[in-house]
Protein backbone atom coordinates (compact mmCIF):
# COMPACT_ATOMS: atom_id res chain seq x y z
CA MET A 1 26.06 135.38 102.67
CA ILE A 2 27.79 132.25 103.98
CA SER A 3 25.48 129.38 104.52
CA ILE A 4 25.39 127.07 107.59
CA LYS A 5 26.40 124.16 105.44
CA ALA A 6 29.51 125.92 104.40
CA ILE A 7 30.72 126.45 107.71
CA LEU A 8 30.15 123.24 109.05
CA SER A 9 32.13 121.79 105.99
CA HIS A 10 34.85 124.17 106.54
CA LYS A 11 35.15 123.19 110.22
CA ALA A 12 34.67 119.41 109.36
CA LYS A 13 37.63 119.65 107.25
CA TYR A 14 40.04 121.21 109.84
CA PHE A 15 38.37 118.52 112.60
CA GLU A 16 39.45 115.75 110.06
CA ALA A 17 42.96 117.25 109.36
CA ALA A 18 43.51 117.44 113.16
CA THR A 19 42.45 114.07 113.81
CA TRP A 20 44.79 112.50 111.32
CA LEU A 21 47.76 114.63 112.42
CA LEU A 22 46.82 113.54 116.27
CA ALA A 23 46.88 109.86 115.01
CA ILE A 24 50.20 110.26 113.24
CA LEU A 25 51.68 111.91 116.02
CA LEU A 26 50.51 109.33 118.40
CA LEU A 27 52.20 106.65 116.16
CA ALA A 28 55.30 108.40 116.04
CA LEU A 29 55.45 108.82 119.74
CA ASN A 30 54.52 104.95 120.15
CA ASN A 31 57.28 102.40 120.85
CA PRO A 32 56.83 99.41 118.47
CA ALA A 33 59.09 97.52 120.32
CA SER A 34 57.29 97.63 123.58
CA SER A 35 55.99 94.39 125.12
CA THR A 36 53.12 96.18 126.61
CA HIS A 37 51.63 96.97 123.17
CA PHE A 38 47.76 97.32 123.28
CA SER A 39 45.64 96.36 120.12
CA LEU A 40 42.35 98.29 119.19
CA CYS A 41 42.14 95.48 116.51
CA LEU A 42 38.74 93.73 117.39
CA LEU A 43 39.89 90.73 115.23
CA HIS A 44 43.26 90.49 117.25
CA ASN A 45 41.40 90.88 120.54
CA LEU A 46 38.99 88.04 119.67
CA ASP A 47 41.63 85.75 118.59
CA MET A 48 40.45 85.51 115.03
CA GLY A 49 43.82 84.82 113.44
CA PHE A 50 44.55 86.85 110.64
CA CYS A 51 43.96 90.45 110.23
CA PRO A 52 44.64 92.51 107.01
CA GLY A 53 45.54 95.81 109.18
CA CYS A 54 47.46 94.36 111.95
CA GLY A 55 51.09 95.52 112.06
CA LEU A 56 49.99 98.81 110.09
CA GLY A 57 50.53 101.03 113.26
CA ARG A 58 53.87 99.40 114.35
CA SER A 59 54.94 99.84 110.71
CA ILE A 60 54.27 103.54 110.79
CA SER A 61 56.03 103.84 114.21
CA TRP A 62 59.00 101.90 112.79
CA LEU A 63 59.16 104.37 109.69
CA PHE A 64 59.12 107.52 111.98
CA ARG A 65 62.34 105.80 113.81
CA GLY A 66 63.98 105.68 110.59
CA GLU A 67 63.64 101.67 110.51
CA ILE A 68 62.64 101.25 107.08
CA ILE A 69 63.11 97.51 106.78
CA LYS A 70 61.50 96.93 110.15
CA SER A 71 58.60 98.96 108.85
CA ILE A 72 58.10 96.79 105.76
CA HIS A 73 58.37 93.80 107.62
CA SER A 74 55.63 95.04 109.97
CA HIS A 75 53.36 95.59 107.15
CA PRO A 76 53.91 96.46 103.64
CA LEU A 77 51.53 99.29 103.20
CA GLY A 78 52.84 101.50 106.13
CA ILE A 79 54.84 103.66 103.88
CA PRO A 80 52.19 104.48 101.19
CA THR A 81 49.87 104.85 104.01
CA ILE A 82 51.99 107.92 105.39
CA ILE A 83 52.23 109.13 101.99
CA ILE A 84 48.29 109.18 101.35
CA LEU A 85 47.56 110.76 104.67
CA ALA A 86 50.20 113.43 104.32
CA HIS A 87 48.64 114.06 100.71
CA ARG A 88 45.01 114.10 102.34
CA ILE A 89 46.07 116.46 105.03
CA TYR A 90 47.46 118.69 102.51
CA THR A 91 44.33 118.85 100.61
CA LEU A 92 42.40 119.33 103.58
CA LEU A 93 44.58 122.33 104.84
CA ASN A 94 44.99 123.83 101.19
CA ASN A 95 42.04 126.27 100.70
CA ARG A 96 42.01 125.75 96.95
CA TYR A 97 40.49 122.26 97.06
């Protein structure tokens, strides 16, 4: 018999995978050179100065456009982030884990 906890855990895995895929798709469709860029970063919106995560979204967007140098200049962790997210999505969708 399948428990409720197992069913919810199964659905949560697919929901998380879909969320990551949607986020990556939105970053791939985003134009990092746009002057109308909107930031969700609380530190940026409050003019707090340095934020360690700022530029990560632009870095991933540049990477999807094939602009590796611009991606690294925007944020050096953009490429590792895509690799980690791709692995996470794979493990969520692979039923052996």
